[in-house]
Amino acid sequence: MARTKKLTPEKPQFSIHSVTLTTEEVGALEQLSRDASDFLGRSISSSAVIRALLRQVVKQGPPAADALFIEVERELKAGVRWGKQQ
């Protein structure tokens, strides 16, 4: 009897990045991580939450991206500047 080979999904390649967050944003990220952990029944990292947020914005398309850009614009108007102006 022939056996079928089990396919194992490929693990994605990860790269390490640092982010700059306010104390309030760190609190929100930690709360989301705790809520996700409670919901899923296992420990969920802040990195997993950030990756899920990125995927969710991409899935929702232009309206979600526009909402994201409006938040970035609010931050810029508040005087928070990182990086170079184009």
Protein backbone atom coordinates (compact mmCIF):
# COMPACT_ATOMS: atom_id res chain seq x y z
CA MET A 1 0.00 0.00 0.00
CA ALA A 2 1.43 3.38 -1.02
CA ARG A 3 1.82 6.01 1.63
CA THR A 4 1.20 9.66 0.98
CA LYS A 5 3.80 12.13 2.12
CA LYS A 6 2.57 14.55 4.77
CA LEU A 7 3.04 18.14 3.74
CA THR A 8 4.31 20.44 6.42
CA PRO A 9 3.62 24.13 5.95
CA GLU A 10 6.68 26.29 5.42
CA LYS A 11 7.54 28.55 8.31
CA PRO A 12 7.73 32.21 7.33
CA GLN A 13 11.05 34.02 7.41
CA PHE A 14 11.21 36.59 10.20
CA SER A 15 13.31 39.71 10.51
CA ILE A 16 13.88 41.60 13.72
CA HIS A 17 12.88 45.26 13.98
CA SER A 18 12.71 47.70 16.81
CA VAL A 19 9.77 50.04 17.19
CA THR A 20 9.31 53.22 19.17
CA LEU A 21 6.12 53.35 21.23
CA THR A 22 4.70 55.68 23.83
CA THR A 23 3.90 54.38 27.29
CA GLU A 24 0.20 54.46 26.36
CA GLU A 25 0.82 52.42 23.20
CA VAL A 26 2.90 49.88 25.12
CA GLY A 27 -0.01 49.50 27.54
CA ALA A 28 -2.47 49.02 24.69
CA LEU A 29 -0.20 46.44 23.03
CA GLU A 30 0.26 44.55 26.31
CA GLN A 31 -3.52 44.58 26.88
CA LEU A 32 -4.15 43.24 23.36
CA SER A 33 -1.56 40.53 23.99
CA ARG A 34 -3.25 39.55 27.28
CA ASP A 35 -6.70 39.58 25.66
CA ALA A 36 -5.44 37.42 22.77
CA SER A 37 -3.85 35.04 25.29
CA ASP A 38 -7.12 34.75 27.19
CA PHE A 39 -9.10 34.29 23.97
CA LEU A 40 -6.78 31.65 22.49
CA GLY A 41 -5.80 29.88 25.71
CA ARG A 42 -2.05 30.24 25.18
CA SER A 43 0.56 32.95 25.57
CA ILE A 44 0.53 35.46 22.68
CA SER A 45 3.46 37.82 22.17
CA SER A 46 3.30 41.49 21.31
CA SER A 47 5.06 40.65 18.04
CA ALA A 48 2.26 38.25 17.11
CA VAL A 49 -0.30 40.98 17.81
CA ILE A 50 1.59 43.50 15.64
CA ARG A 51 1.87 40.98 12.78
CA ALA A 52 -1.87 40.26 13.03
CA LEU A 53 -2.66 43.99 12.99
CA LEU A 54 -0.59 44.44 9.83
CA ARG A 55 -2.26 41.48 8.11
CA GLN A 56 -5.69 42.78 9.12
CA VAL A 57 -5.05 46.23 7.61
CA VAL A 58 -3.80 44.64 4.38
CA LYS A 59 -6.85 42.33 4.19
CA GLN A 60 -9.29 45.19 4.75
CA GLY A 61 -7.74 47.14 1.90
CA PRO A 62 -7.70 50.87 1.14
CA PRO A 63 -10.29 52.00 3.73
CA ALA A 64 -8.27 50.46 6.56
CA ALA A 65 -5.01 51.79 5.13
CA ASP A 66 -6.52 55.27 4.85
CA ALA A 67 -7.63 55.11 8.50
CA LEU A 68 -4.08 54.11 9.41
CA PHE A 69 -2.62 57.00 7.42
CA ILE A 70 -4.98 59.45 9.17
CA GLU A 71 -3.58 58.25 12.51
CA VAL A 72 -0.04 58.78 11.22
CA GLU A 73 -1.02 62.28 10.09
CA ARG A 74 -2.41 63.06 13.57
CA GLU A 75 0.89 61.97 15.06
CA LEU A 76 2.84 64.21 12.66
CA LYS A 77 0.58 67.19 13.44
CA ALA A 78 1.19 66.56 17.14
CA GLY A 79 4.91 67.04 16.49
CA VAL A 80 6.10 63.44 16.59
CA ARG A 81 8.72 63.06 13.87
CA TRP A 82 10.90 60.08 13.07
CA GLY A 83 12.84 59.57 9.89
CA LYS A 84 13.42 61.95 7.03
CA GLN A 85 11.03 64.26 5.26
CA GLN A 86 10.72 63.49 1.54
